[in-house]
Amino acid sequence: MKVVDVRVLKPFRLFCGSEGKIVFSSEKVMLLFVTIPARAEVPVHSHRHEQMGICLKGKAEFRTETEKSTVTEGMLYWFKPDEKHSVASLTDEPSLFLDVFNPPREDYLEKAKNVKESTKV
């Protein structure tokens, strides 16, 4: 068994001031804790990874090419692989999310590795 306190994990930069913390990553799935600053926007992007998640705190508008939805605390979302999407924070405080990726995001694993290496004494 493995237990992690997300408060002690080192964050790395995602988009436009957003930060990520890899909670767990296996061969098939990654859990990523995401903080989006107040009123910030994650630009339109896509990736080969399936993405699901839950809003833990805050409020955001999730957009795809054909839909937009307001997501608040306790609501869940799902993006198919290669689906273009963006996120805009709708609050004056940071919004918090727990994202699940399948397969794990290689780019995020590399960013997390670089943060750990740069903080070694």
PDB file of N, CA and C in Angstrom:
ATOM      1  N   MET A   1       0.847  -1.178   0.000  1.00  0.00           N
ATOM      2  CA  MET A   1       0.000   0.000   0.000  1.00  0.00           C
ATOM      3  C   MET A   1       0.887   1.234   0.000  1.00  0.00           C
ATOM      4  N   LYS A   2       0.380   2.297  -0.601  1.00  0.00           N
ATOM      5  CA  LYS A   2       1.086   3.567  -0.624  1.00  0.00           C
ATOM      6  C   LYS A   2       0.098   4.666  -0.237  1.00  0.00           C
ATOM      7  N   VAL A   3       0.526   5.541   0.664  1.00  0.00           N
ATOM      8  CA  VAL A   3      -0.299   6.647   1.119  1.00  0.00           C
ATOM      9  C   VAL A   3       0.499   7.928   0.917  1.00  0.00           C
ATOM     10  N   VAL A   4      -0.153   8.965   0.396  1.00  0.00           N
ATOM     11  CA  VAL A   4       0.533  10.219   0.087  1.00  0.00           C
ATOM     12  C   VAL A   4      -0.266  11.386   0.656  1.00  0.00           C
ATOM     13  N   ASP A   5       0.441  12.342   1.231  1.00  0.00           N
ATOM     14  CA  ASP A   5      -0.155  13.603   1.666  1.00  0.00           C
ATOM     15  C   ASP A   5       0.122  14.619   0.557  1.00  0.00           C
ATOM     16  N   VAL A   6      -0.901  15.017  -0.173  1.00  0.00           N
ATOM     17  CA  VAL A   6      -0.727  15.901  -1.329  1.00  0.00           C
ATOM     18  C   VAL A   6      -0.093  17.236  -0.935  1.00  0.00           C
ATOM     19  N   ARG A   7      -0.236  17.623   0.318  1.00  0.00           N
ATOM     20  CA  ARG A   7       0.321  18.910   0.779  1.00  0.00           C
ATOM     21  C   ARG A   7       1.839  18.937   0.763  1.00  0.00           C
ATOM     22  N   VAL A   8       2.495  17.780   0.790  1.00  0.00           N
ATOM     23  CA  VAL A   8       3.962  17.751   0.806  1.00  0.00           C
ATOM     24  C   VAL A   8       4.561  17.497  -0.580  1.00  0.00           C
ATOM     25  N   LEU A   9       3.740  17.249  -1.575  1.00  0.00           N
ATOM     26  CA  LEU A   9       4.243  17.020  -2.931  1.00  0.00           C
ATOM     27  C   LEU A   9       4.706  18.327  -3.559  1.00  0.00           C
ATOM     28  N   LYS A  10       5.767  18.273  -4.348  1.00  0.00           N
ATOM     29  CA  LYS A  10       6.305  19.452  -5.029  1.00  0.00           C
ATOM     30  C   LYS A  10       5.477  19.741  -6.289  1.00  0.00           C
ATOM     31  N   PRO A  11       4.975  20.970  -6.419  1.00  0.00           N
ATOM     32  CA  PRO A  11       4.190  21.307  -7.618  1.00  0.00           C
ATOM     33  C   PRO A  11       5.085  21.622  -8.816  1.00  0.00           C
ATOM     34  N   PHE A  12       4.538  21.461 -10.012  1.00  0.00           N
ATOM     35  CA  PHE A  12       5.210  21.883 -11.237  1.00  0.00           C
ATOM     36  C   PHE A  12       4.208  22.663 -12.079  1.00  0.00           C
ATOM     37  N   ARG A  13       4.728  23.518 -12.934  1.00  0.00           N
ATOM     38  CA  ARG A  13       3.893  24.410 -13.737  1.00  0.00           C
ATOM     39  C   ARG A  13       3.214  23.636 -14.871  1.00  0.00           C
ATOM     40  N   LEU A  14       1.934  23.944 -15.059  1.00  0.00           N
ATOM     41  CA  LEU A  14       1.180  23.369 -16.172  1.00  0.00           C
ATOM     42  C   LEU A  14       0.946  24.449 -17.222  1.00  0.00           C
ATOM     43  N   PHE A  15      -0.177  25.167 -17.134  1.00  0.00           N
ATOM     44  CA  PHE A  15      -0.528  26.218 -18.073  1.00  0.00           C
ATOM     45  C   PHE A  15      -0.861  27.491 -17.308  1.00  0.00           C
ATOM     46  N   CYS A  16      -0.437  28.617 -17.785  1.00  0.00           N
ATOM     47  CA  CYS A  16      -0.901  29.928 -17.309  1.00  0.00           C
ATOM     48  C   CYS A  16      -1.011  30.031 -15.793  1.00  0.00           C
ATOM     49  N   GLY A  17       0.030  29.623 -15.088  1.00  0.00           N
ATOM     50  CA  GLY A  17       0.032  29.709 -13.638  1.00  0.00           C
ATOM     51  C   GLY A  17      -0.583  28.518 -12.933  1.00  0.00           C
ATOM     52  N   SER A  18      -1.206  27.625 -13.674  1.00  0.00           N
ATOM     53  CA  SER A  18      -1.757  26.412 -13.065  1.00  0.00           C
ATOM     54  C   SER A  18      -0.617  25.503 -12.631  1.00  0.00           C
ATOM     55  N   GLU A  19      -0.860  24.765 -11.545  1.00  0.00           N
ATOM     56  CA  GLU A  19       0.156  23.850 -11.032  1.00  0.00           C
ATOM     57  C   GLU A  19      -0.396  22.445 -10.917  1.00  0.00           C
ATOM     58  N   GLY A  20       0.492  21.476 -11.073  1.00  0.00           N
ATOM     59  CA  GLY A  20       0.124  20.083 -10.920  1.00  0.00           C
ATOM     60  C   GLY A  20       1.018  19.395  -9.919  1.00  0.00           C
ATOM     61  N   LYS A  21       0.470  18.368  -9.284  1.00  0.00           N
ATOM     62  CA  LYS A  21       1.220  17.510  -8.379  1.00  0.00           C
ATOM     63  C   LYS A  21       0.812  16.078  -8.700  1.00  0.00           C
ATOM     64  N   ILE A  22       1.767  15.250  -9.096  1.00  0.00           N
ATOM     65  CA  ILE A  22       1.445  13.850  -9.361  1.00  0.00           C
ATOM     66  C   ILE A  22       1.293  13.143  -8.024  1.00  0.00           C
ATOM     67  N   VAL A  23       0.105  12.629  -7.794  1.00  0.00           N
ATOM     68  CA  VAL A  23      -0.169  11.901  -6.557  1.00  0.00           C
ATOM     69  C   VAL A  23       0.324  10.473  -6.707  1.00  0.00           C
ATOM     70  N   PHE A  24      -0.127   9.799  -7.756  1.00  0.00           N
ATOM     71  CA  PHE A  24       0.321   8.450  -8.088  1.00  0.00           C
ATOM     72  C   PHE A  24       0.415   8.340  -9.598  1.00  0.00           C
ATOM     73  N   SER A  25       1.332   7.475 -10.059  1.00  0.00           N
ATOM     74  CA  SER A  25       1.400   7.154 -11.477  1.00  0.00           C
ATOM     75  C   SER A  25       1.886   5.716 -11.612  1.00  0.00           C
ATOM     76  N   SER A  26       1.089   4.913 -12.299  1.00  0.00           N
ATOM     77  CA  SER A  26       1.447   3.515 -12.559  1.00  0.00           C
ATOM     78  C   SER A  26       1.684   3.363 -14.057  1.00  0.00           C
ATOM     79  N   GLU A  27       1.767   2.139 -14.517  1.00  0.00           N
ATOM     80  CA  GLU A  27       1.949   1.913 -15.950  1.00  0.00           C
ATOM     81  C   GLU A  27       0.726   2.351 -16.751  1.00  0.00           C
ATOM     82  N   LYS A  28      -0.456   2.325 -16.135  1.00  0.00           N
ATOM     83  CA  LYS A  28      -1.687   2.556 -16.887  1.00  0.00           C
ATOM     84  C   LYS A  28      -2.455   3.806 -16.509  1.00  0.00           C
ATOM     85  N   VAL A  29      -2.226   4.361 -15.316  1.00  0.00           N
ATOM     86  CA  VAL A  29      -3.047   5.480 -14.867  1.00  0.00           C
ATOM     87  C   VAL A  29      -2.231   6.452 -14.025  1.00  0.00           C
ATOM     88  N   MET A  30      -2.627   7.722 -14.077  1.00  0.00           N
ATOM     89  CA  MET A  30      -1.990   8.781 -13.299  1.00  0.00           C
ATOM     90  C   MET A  30      -3.072   9.581 -12.589  1.00  0.00           C
ATOM     91  N   LEU A  31      -2.840   9.885 -11.308  1.00  0.00           N
ATOM     92  CA  LEU A  31      -3.679  10.820 -10.558  1.00  0.00           C
ATOM     93  C   LEU A  31      -2.895  12.109 -10.404  1.00  0.00           C
ATOM     94  N   LEU A  32      -3.498  13.205 -10.819  1.00  0.00           N
ATOM     95  CA  LEU A  32      -2.841  14.512 -10.807  1.00  0.00           C
ATOM     96  C   LEU A  32      -3.709  15.513 -10.059  1.00  0.00           C
ATOM     97  N   PHE A  33      -3.159  16.123  -9.023  1.00  0.00           N
ATOM     98  CA  PHE A  33      -3.826  17.175  -8.274  1.00  0.00           C
ATOM     99  C   PHE A  33      -3.522  18.484  -8.999  1.00  0.00           C
ATOM    100  N   VAL A  34      -4.546  19.234  -9.392  1.00  0.00           N
ATOM    101  CA  VAL A  34      -4.374  20.446 -10.198  1.00  0.00           C
ATOM    102  C   VAL A  34      -4.953  21.657  -9.471  1.00  0.00           C
ATOM    103  N   THR A  35      -4.171  22.738  -9.438  1.00  0.00           N
ATOM    104  CA  THR A  35      -4.643  24.011  -8.902  1.00  0.00           C
ATOM    105  C   THR A  35      -4.655  25.027 -10.035  1.00  0.00           C
ATOM    106  N   ILE A  36      -5.813  25.630 -10.296  1.00  0.00           N
ATOM    107  CA  ILE A  36      -5.941  26.684 -11.305  1.00  0.00           C
ATOM    108  C   ILE A  36      -6.171  27.991 -10.554  1.00  0.00           C
ATOM    109  N   PRO A  37      -5.320  29.003 -10.796  1.00  0.00           N
ATOM    110  CA  PRO A  37      -5.477  30.275 -10.078  1.00  0.00           C
ATOM    111  C   PRO A  37      -6.823  30.946 -10.347  1.00  0.00           C
ATOM    112  N   ALA A  38      -7.174  31.858  -9.461  1.00  0.00           N
ATOM    113  CA  ALA A  38      -8.414  32.628  -9.611  1.00  0.00           C
ATOM    114  C   ALA A  38      -8.478  33.283 -10.986  1.00  0.00           C
ATOM    115  N   ARG A  39      -9.604  33.106 -11.652  1.00  0.00           N
ATOM    116  CA  ARG A  39      -9.898  33.738 -12.947  1.00  0.00           C
ATOM    117  C   ARG A  39      -8.896  33.391 -14.058  1.00  0.00           C
ATOM    118  N   ALA A  40      -8.106  32.344 -13.878  1.00  0.00           N
ATOM    119  CA  ALA A  40      -7.132  31.936 -14.906  1.00  0.00           C
ATOM    120  C   ALA A  40      -7.798  31.030 -15.933  1.00  0.00           C
ATOM    121  N   GLU A  41      -7.141  30.900 -17.068  1.00  0.00           N
ATOM    122  CA  GLU A  41      -7.682  30.064 -18.133  1.00  0.00           C
ATOM    123  C   GLU A  41      -6.605  29.133 -18.668  1.00  0.00           C
ATOM    124  N   VAL A  42      -6.959  27.861 -18.773  1.00  0.00           N
ATOM    125  CA  VAL A  42      -6.110  26.875 -19.429  1.00  0.00           C
ATOM    126  C   VAL A  42      -6.533  26.893 -20.894  1.00  0.00           C
ATOM    127  N   PRO A  43      -5.614  27.233 -21.814  1.00  0.00           N
ATOM    128  CA  PRO A  43      -6.003  27.379 -23.221  1.00  0.00           C
ATOM    129  C   PRO A  43      -6.426  26.062 -23.867  1.00  0.00           C
ATOM    130  N   VAL A  44      -7.049  26.184 -25.015  1.00  0.00           N
ATOM    131  CA  VAL A  44      -7.478  25.008 -25.780  1.00  0.00           C
ATOM    132  C   VAL A  44      -6.261  24.126 -26.063  1.00  0.00           C
ATOM    133  N   HIS A  45      -6.434  22.844 -25.783  1.00  0.00           N
ATOM    134  CA  HIS A  45      -5.368  21.877 -26.025  1.00  0.00           C
ATOM    135  C   HIS A  45      -6.005  20.493 -26.174  1.00  0.00           C
ATOM    136  N   SER A  46      -5.206  19.549 -26.579  1.00  0.00           N
ATOM    137  CA  SER A  46      -5.639  18.151 -26.625  1.00  0.00           C
ATOM    138  C   SER A  46      -4.420  17.278 -26.356  1.00  0.00           C
ATOM    139  N   HIS A  47      -4.676  16.039 -26.034  1.00  0.00           N
ATOM    140  CA  HIS A  47      -3.614  15.074 -25.774  1.00  0.00           C
ATOM    141  C   HIS A  47      -4.169  13.683 -26.043  1.00  0.00           C
ATOM    142  N   ARG A  48      -3.294  12.746 -26.247  1.00  0.00           N
ATOM    143  CA  ARG A  48      -3.706  11.379 -26.597  1.00  0.00           C
ATOM    144  C   ARG A  48      -4.283  10.614 -25.416  1.00  0.00           C
ATOM    145  N   HIS A  49      -4.267  11.232 -24.254  1.00  0.00           N
ATOM    146  CA  HIS A  49      -4.677  10.580 -23.016  1.00  0.00           C
ATOM    147  C   HIS A  49      -6.157  10.811 -22.715  1.00  0.00           C
ATOM    148  N   GLU A  50      -6.828   9.771 -22.263  1.00  0.00           N
ATOM    149  CA  GLU A  50      -8.173   9.921 -21.731  1.00  0.00           C
ATOM    150  C   GLU A  50      -8.043  10.662 -20.404  1.00  0.00           C
ATOM    151  N   GLN A  51      -8.950  11.595 -20.131  1.00  0.00           N
ATOM    152  CA  GLN A  51      -8.880  12.391 -18.908  1.00  0.00           C
ATOM    153  C   GLN A  51     -10.238  12.426 -18.226  1.00  0.00           C
ATOM    154  N   MET A  52     -10.229  12.094 -16.944  1.00  0.00           N
ATOM    155  CA  MET A  52     -11.423  12.189 -16.109  1.00  0.00           C
ATOM    156  C   MET A  52     -11.027  12.916 -14.842  1.00  0.00           C
ATOM    157  N   GLY A  53     -11.995  13.533 -14.176  1.00  0.00           N
ATOM    158  CA  GLY A  53     -11.636  14.209 -12.945  1.00  0.00           C
ATOM    159  C   GLY A  53     -12.832  14.651 -12.140  1.00  0.00           C
ATOM    160  N   ILE A  54     -12.507  15.246 -10.986  1.00  0.00           N
ATOM    161  CA  ILE A  54     -13.516  15.777 -10.081  1.00  0.00           C
ATOM    162  C   ILE A  54     -13.065  17.142  -9.584  1.00  0.00           C
ATOM    163  N   CYS A  55     -14.001  18.055  -9.486  1.00  0.00           N
ATOM    164  CA  CYS A  55     -13.732  19.372  -8.911  1.00  0.00           C
ATOM    165  C   CYS A  55     -13.804  19.233  -7.395  1.00  0.00           C
ATOM    166  N   LEU A  56     -12.703  19.545  -6.722  1.00  0.00           N
ATOM    167  CA  LEU A  56     -12.649  19.457  -5.268  1.00  0.00           C
ATOM    168  C   LEU A  56     -13.024  20.774  -4.600  1.00  0.00           C
ATOM    169  N   LYS A  57     -12.760  21.880  -5.310  1.00  0.00           N
ATOM    170  CA  LYS A  57     -13.048  23.211  -4.758  1.00  0.00           C
ATOM    171  C   LYS A  57     -13.107  24.205  -5.913  1.00  0.00           C
ATOM    172  N   GLY A  58     -14.022  25.145  -5.825  1.00  0.00           N
ATOM    173  CA  GLY A  58     -14.092  26.204  -6.822  1.00  0.00           C
ATOM    174  C   GLY A  58     -15.164  26.001  -7.864  1.00  0.00           C
ATOM    175  N   LYS A  59     -14.968  26.686  -8.976  1.00  0.00           N
ATOM    176  CA  LYS A  59     -15.954  26.685 -10.060  1.00  0.00           C
ATOM    177  C   LYS A  59     -15.216  27.008 -11.346  1.00  0.00           C
ATOM    178  N   ALA A  60     -15.495  26.259 -12.403  1.00  0.00           N
ATOM    179  CA  ALA A  60     -14.818  26.488 -13.677  1.00  0.00           C
ATOM    180  C   ALA A  60     -15.745  26.144 -14.835  1.00  0.00           C
ATOM    181  N   GLU A  61     -15.462  26.769 -15.962  1.00  0.00           N
ATOM    182  CA  GLU A  61     -16.188  26.441 -17.184  1.00  0.00           C
ATOM    183  C   GLU A  61     -15.283  25.565 -18.038  1.00  0.00           C
ATOM    184  N   PHE A  62     -15.757  24.387 -18.371  1.00  0.00           N
ATOM    185  CA  PHE A  62     -15.042  23.451 -19.236  1.00  0.00           C
ATOM    186  C   PHE A  62     -15.656  23.567 -20.625  1.00  0.00           C
ATOM    187  N   ARG A  63     -14.805  23.682 -21.639  1.00  0.00           N
ATOM    188  CA  ARG A  63     -15.280  23.833 -23.018  1.00  0.00           C
ATOM    189  C   ARG A  63     -14.629  22.805 -23.939  1.00  0.00           C
ATOM    190  N   THR A  64     -15.422  22.312 -24.872  1.00  0.00           N
ATOM    191  CA  THR A  64     -14.906  21.512 -25.984  1.00  0.00           C
ATOM    192  C   THR A  64     -15.315  22.236 -27.260  1.00  0.00           C
ATOM    193  N   GLU A  65     -15.087  21.620 -28.393  1.00  0.00           N
ATOM    194  CA  GLU A  65     -15.472  22.253 -29.659  1.00  0.00           C
ATOM    195  C   GLU A  65     -16.994  22.352 -29.809  1.00  0.00           C
ATOM    196  N   THR A  66     -17.724  21.509 -29.084  1.00  0.00           N
ATOM    197  CA  THR A  66     -19.180  21.471 -29.266  1.00  0.00           C
ATOM    198  C   THR A  66     -19.985  21.745 -27.999  1.00  0.00           C
ATOM    199  N   GLU A  67     -19.329  21.803 -26.826  1.00  0.00           N
ATOM    200  CA  GLU A  67     -20.073  21.959 -25.573  1.00  0.00           C
ATOM    201  C   GLU A  67     -19.342  22.873 -24.601  1.00  0.00           C
ATOM    202  N   LYS A  68     -20.095  23.382 -23.631  1.00  0.00           N
ATOM    203  CA  LYS A  68     -19.481  24.039 -22.484  1.00  0.00           C
ATOM    204  C   LYS A  68     -20.340  23.732 -21.269  1.00  0.00           C
ATOM    205  N   SER A  69     -19.660  23.517 -20.139  1.00  0.00           N
ATOM    206  CA  SER A  69     -20.351  23.167 -18.901  1.00  0.00           C
ATOM    207  C   SER A  69     -19.677  23.851 -17.730  1.00  0.00           C
ATOM    208  N   THR A  70     -20.473  24.295 -16.774  1.00  0.00           N
ATOM    209  CA  THR A  70     -19.941  24.840 -15.539  1.00  0.00           C
ATOM    210  C   THR A  70     -19.810  23.685 -14.550  1.00  0.00           C
ATOM    211  N   VAL A  71     -18.613  23.555 -13.991  1.00  0.00           N
ATOM    212  CA  VAL A  71     -18.300  22.474 -13.062  1.00  0.00           C
ATOM    213  C   VAL A  71     -18.015  23.089 -11.701  1.00  0.00           C
ATOM    214  N   THR A  72     -18.668  22.571 -10.667  1.00  0.00           N
ATOM    215  CA  THR A  72     -18.474  23.053  -9.302  1.00  0.00           C
ATOM    216  C   THR A  72     -18.081  21.874  -8.408  1.00  0.00           C
ATOM    217  N   GLU A  73     -17.780  22.187  -7.158  1.00  0.00           N
ATOM    218  CA  GLU A  73     -17.330  21.189  -6.196  1.00  0.00           C
ATOM    219  C   GLU A  73     -18.213  19.946  -6.205  1.00  0.00           C
ATOM    220  N   GLY A  74     -17.565  18.788  -6.333  1.00  0.00           N
ATOM    221  CA  GLY A  74     -18.276  17.514  -6.340  1.00  0.00           C
ATOM    222  C   GLY A  74     -18.691  17.029  -7.709  1.00  0.00           C
ATOM    223  N   MET A  75     -18.558  17.866  -8.738  1.00  0.00           N
ATOM    224  CA  MET A  75     -18.940  17.455 -10.090  1.00  0.00           C
ATOM    225  C   MET A  75     -17.750  16.793 -10.788  1.00  0.00           C
ATOM    226  N   LEU A  76     -18.070  15.861 -11.683  1.00  0.00           N
ATOM    227  CA  LEU A  76     -17.049  15.107 -12.409  1.00  0.00           C
ATOM    228  C   LEU A  76     -17.110  15.417 -13.897  1.00  0.00           C
ATOM    229  N   TYR A  77     -16.006  15.165 -14.585  1.00  0.00           N
ATOM    230  CA  TYR A  77     -15.909  15.440 -16.020  1.00  0.00           C
ATOM    231  C   TYR A  77     -15.056  14.372 -16.691  1.00  0.00           C
ATOM    232  N   TRP A  78     -15.191  14.291 -18.032  1.00  0.00           N
ATOM    233  CA  TRP A  78     -14.472  13.276 -18.805  1.00  0.00           C
ATOM    234  C   TRP A  78     -14.200  13.828 -20.195  1.00  0.00           C
ATOM    235  N   PHE A  79     -12.936  13.725 -20.618  1.00  0.00           N
ATOM    236  CA  PHE A  79     -12.533  14.084 -21.982  1.00  0.00           C
ATOM    237  C   PHE A  79     -11.959  12.847 -22.651  1.00  0.00           C
ATOM    238  N   LYS A  80     -12.421  12.582 -23.860  1.00  0.00           N
ATOM    239  CA  LYS A  80     -11.908  11.451 -24.631  1.00  0.00           C
ATOM    240  C   LYS A  80     -10.509  11.777 -25.154  1.00  0.00           C
ATOM    241  N   PRO A  81      -9.730  10.770 -25.518  1.00  0.00           N
ATOM    242  CA  PRO A  81      -8.417  11.033 -26.104  1.00  0.00           C
ATOM    243  C   PRO A  81      -8.534  11.948 -27.322  1.00  0.00           C
ATOM    244  N   ASP A  82      -7.628  12.894 -27.428  1.00  0.00           N
ATOM    245  CA  ASP A  82      -7.532  13.852 -28.541  1.00  0.00           C
ATOM    246  C   ASP A  82      -8.692  14.849 -28.624  1.00  0.00           C
ATOM    247  N   GLU A  83      -9.557  14.891 -27.629  1.00  0.00           N
ATOM    248  CA  GLU A  83     -10.660  15.856 -27.617  1.00  0.00           C
ATOM    249  C   GLU A  83     -10.121  17.234 -27.211  1.00  0.00           C
ATOM    250  N   LYS A  84     -10.312  18.225 -28.060  1.00  0.00           N
ATOM    251  CA  LYS A  84      -9.860  19.581 -27.742  1.00  0.00           C
ATOM    252  C   LYS A  84     -10.724  20.150 -26.619  1.00  0.00           C
ATOM    253  N   HIS A  85     -10.033  20.769 -25.624  1.00  0.00           N
ATOM    254  CA  HIS A  85     -10.768  21.318 -24.490  1.00  0.00           C
ATOM    255  C   HIS A  85      -9.989  22.449 -23.833  1.00  0.00           C
ATOM    256  N   SER A  86     -10.704  23.275 -23.069  1.00  0.00           N
ATOM    257  CA  SER A  86     -10.102  24.353 -22.292  1.00  0.00           C
ATOM    258  C   SER A  86     -10.868  24.476 -20.981  1.00  0.00           C
ATOM    259  N   VAL A  87     -10.265  25.197 -20.028  1.00  0.00           N
ATOM    260  CA  VAL A  87     -10.880  25.384 -18.714  1.00  0.00           C
ATOM    261  C   VAL A  87     -10.664  26.828 -18.289  1.00  0.00           C
ATOM    262  N   ALA A  88     -11.706  27.465 -17.782  1.00  0.00           N
ATOM    263  CA  ALA A  88     -11.603  28.834 -17.265  1.00  0.00           C
ATOM    264  C   ALA A  88     -12.133  28.869 -15.843  1.00  0.00           C
ATOM    265  N   SER A  89     -11.297  29.330 -14.914  1.00  0.00           N
ATOM    266  CA  SER A  89     -11.722  29.480 -13.523  1.00  0.00           C
ATOM    267  C   SER A  89     -12.739  30.605 -13.431  1.00  0.00           C
ATOM    268  N   LEU A  90     -13.791  30.393 -12.675  1.00  0.00           N
ATOM    269  CA  LEU A  90     -14.862  31.384 -12.543  1.00  0.00           C
ATOM    270  C   LEU A  90     -14.934  31.970 -11.129  1.00  0.00           C
ATOM    271  N   THR A  91     -13.884  31.763 -10.328  1.00  0.00           N
ATOM    272  CA  THR A  91     -13.914  32.228  -8.944  1.00  0.00           C
ATOM    273  C   THR A  91     -12.748  33.162  -8.640  1.00  0.00           C
ATOM    274  N   ASP A  92     -12.857  33.864  -7.523  1.00  0.00           N
ATOM    275  CA  ASP A  92     -11.804  34.767  -7.070  1.00  0.00           C
ATOM    276  C   ASP A  92     -10.794  34.068  -6.171  1.00  0.00           C
ATOM    277  N   GLU A  93     -10.907  32.751  -6.053  1.00  0.00           N
ATOM    278  CA  GLU A  93      -9.958  31.928  -5.307  1.00  0.00           C
ATOM    279  C   GLU A  93      -9.510  30.795  -6.212  1.00  0.00           C
ATOM    280  N   PRO A  94      -8.383  30.152  -5.926  1.00  0.00           N
ATOM    281  CA  PRO A  94      -7.945  29.020  -6.746  1.00  0.00           C
ATOM    282  C   PRO A  94      -8.987  27.896  -6.757  1.00  0.00           C
ATOM    283  N   SER A  95      -9.078  27.214  -7.886  1.00  0.00           N
ATOM    284  CA  SER A  95      -9.940  26.037  -8.008  1.00  0.00           C
ATOM    285  C   SER A  95      -9.053  24.801  -7.971  1.00  0.00           C
ATOM    286  N   LEU A  96      -9.549  23.745  -7.334  1.00  0.00           N
ATOM    287  CA  LEU A  96      -8.765  22.523  -7.159  1.00  0.00           C
ATOM    288  C   LEU A  96      -9.470  21.349  -7.823  1.00  0.00           C
ATOM    289  N   PHE A  97      -8.685  20.517  -8.503  1.00  0.00           N
ATOM    290  CA  PHE A  97      -9.215  19.373  -9.233  1.00  0.00           C
ATOM    291  C   PHE A  97      -8.327  18.157  -9.020  1.00  0.00           C
ATOM    292  N   LEU A  98      -8.910  16.983  -9.129  1.00  0.00           N
ATOM    293  CA  LEU A  98      -8.147  15.747  -9.163  1.00  0.00           C
ATOM    294  C   LEU A  98      -8.411  15.121 -10.527  1.00  0.00           C
ATOM    295  N   ASP A  99      -7.369  15.100 -11.358  1.00  0.00           N
ATOM    296  CA  ASP A  99      -7.481  14.533 -12.705  1.00  0.00           C
ATOM    297  C   ASP A  99      -6.903  13.124 -12.730  1.00  0.00           C
ATOM    298  N   VAL A 100      -7.498  12.296 -13.586  1.00  0.00           N
ATOM    299  CA  VAL A 100      -7.035  10.937 -13.808  1.00  0.00           C
ATOM    300  C   VAL A 100      -6.736  10.813 -15.301  1.00  0.00           C
ATOM    301  N   PHE A 101      -5.523  10.363 -15.633  1.00  0.00           N
ATOM    302  CA  PHE A 101      -5.126  10.197 -17.031  1.00  0.00           C
ATOM    303  C   PHE A 101      -4.805   8.741 -17.315  1.00  0.00           C
ATOM    304  N   ASN A 102      -5.248   8.295 -18.502  1.00  0.00           N
ATOM    305  CA  ASN A 102      -4.908   6.968 -18.989  1.00  0.00           C
ATOM    306  C   ASN A 102      -4.518   7.082 -20.459  1.00  0.00           C
ATOM    307  N   PRO A 103      -3.308   6.708 -20.842  1.00  0.00           N
ATOM    308  CA  PRO A 103      -2.181   6.341 -19.988  1.00  0.00           C
ATOM    309  C   PRO A 103      -1.620   7.570 -19.275  1.00  0.00           C
ATOM    310  N   PRO A 104      -0.640   7.372 -18.369  1.00  0.00           N
ATOM    311  CA  PRO A 104      -0.030   8.514 -17.690  1.00  0.00           C
ATOM    312  C   PRO A 104       0.560   9.520 -18.676  1.00  0.00           C
ATOM    313  N   ARG A 105       0.541  10.795 -18.295  1.00  0.00           N
ATOM    314  CA  ARG A 105       1.108  11.865 -19.120  1.00  0.00           C
ATOM    315  C   ARG A 105       2.627  11.870 -18.987  1.00  0.00           C
ATOM    316  N   GLU A 106       3.313  11.511 -20.051  1.00  0.00           N
ATOM    317  CA  GLU A 106       4.771  11.477 -20.051  1.00  0.00           C
ATOM    318  C   GLU A 106       5.353  12.862 -19.812  1.00  0.00           C
ATOM    319  N   ASP A 107       4.718  13.889 -20.385  1.00  0.00           N
ATOM    320  CA  ASP A 107       5.223  15.251 -20.223  1.00  0.00           C
ATOM    321  C   ASP A 107       5.147  15.700 -18.765  1.00  0.00           C
ATOM    322  N   TYR A 108       4.111  15.293 -18.055  1.00  0.00           N
ATOM    323  CA  TYR A 108       3.980  15.657 -16.645  1.00  0.00           C
ATOM    324  C   TYR A 108       4.971  14.871 -15.782  1.00  0.00           C
ATOM    325  N   LEU A 109       5.202  13.615 -16.127  1.00  0.00           N
ATOM    326  CA  LEU A 109       6.210  12.834 -15.399  1.00  0.00           C
ATOM    327  C   LEU A 109       7.585  13.492 -15.527  1.00  0.00           C
ATOM    328  N   GLU A 110       7.901  13.983 -16.710  1.00  0.00           N
ATOM    329  CA  GLU A 110       9.188  14.653 -16.927  1.00  0.00           C
ATOM    330  C   GLU A 110       9.255  15.967 -16.145  1.00  0.00           C
ATOM    331  N   LYS A 111       8.197  16.737 -16.162  1.00  0.00           N
ATOM    332  CA  LYS A 111       8.182  17.999 -15.405  1.00  0.00           C
ATOM    333  C   LYS A 111       8.351  17.737 -13.915  1.00  0.00           C
ATOM    334  N   ALA A 112       7.654  16.745 -13.398  1.00  0.00           N
ATOM    335  CA  ALA A 112       7.761  16.404 -11.982  1.00  0.00           C
ATOM    336  C   ALA A 112       9.176  15.942 -11.639  1.00  0.00           C
ATOM    337  N   LYS A 113       9.772  15.171 -12.523  1.00  0.00           N
ATOM    338  CA  LYS A 113      11.147  14.697 -12.316  1.00  0.00           C
ATOM    339  C   LYS A 113      12.115  15.881 -12.265  1.00  0.00           C
ATOM    340  N   ASN A 114      11.942  16.833 -13.174  1.00  0.00           N
ATOM    341  CA  ASN A 114      12.827  18.006 -13.202  1.00  0.00           C
ATOM    342  C   ASN A 114      12.691  18.853 -11.945  1.00  0.00           C
ATOM    343  N   VAL A 115      11.479  18.952 -11.392  1.00  0.00           N
ATOM    344  CA  VAL A 115      11.288  19.701 -10.142  1.00  0.00           C
ATOM    345  C   VAL A 115      12.020  19.015  -9.011  1.00  0.00           C
ATOM    346  N   LYS A 116      11.896  17.690  -8.924  1.00  0.00           N
ATOM    347  CA  LYS A 116      12.561  16.940  -7.858  1.00  0.00           C
ATOM    348  C   LYS A 116      14.080  17.080  -7.968  1.00  0.00           C
ATOM    349  N   GLU A 117      14.603  17.018  -9.201  1.00  0.00           N
ATOM    350  CA  GLU A 117      16.051  17.123  -9.391  1.00  0.00           C
ATOM    351  C   GLU A 117      16.540  18.511  -9.059  1.00  0.00           C
ATOM    352  N   SER A 118      15.770  19.537  -9.380  1.00  0.00           N
ATOM    353  CA  SER A 118      16.213  20.911  -9.126  1.00  0.00           C
ATOM    354  C   SER A 118      16.131  21.297  -7.654  1.00  0.00           C
ATOM    355  N   THR A 119      15.385  20.530  -6.859  1.00  0.00           N
ATOM    356  CA  THR A 119      15.258  20.863  -5.439  1.00  0.00           C
ATOM    357  C   THR A 119      16.178  20.035  -4.550  1.00  0.00           C
ATOM    358  N   LYS A 120      16.962  19.125  -5.144  1.00  0.00           N
ATOM    359  CA  LYS A 120      17.910  18.341  -4.347  1.00  0.00           C
ATOM    360  C   LYS A 120      19.026  19.237  -3.846  1.00  0.00           C
ATOM    361  N   VAL A 121      19.482  18.959  -2.617  1.00  0.00           N
ATOM    362  CA  VAL A 121      20.574  19.747  -2.018  1.00  0.00           C
ATOM    363  C   VAL A 121      21.885  19.053  -2.245  1.00  0.00           C
TER     364      VAL A 121
END
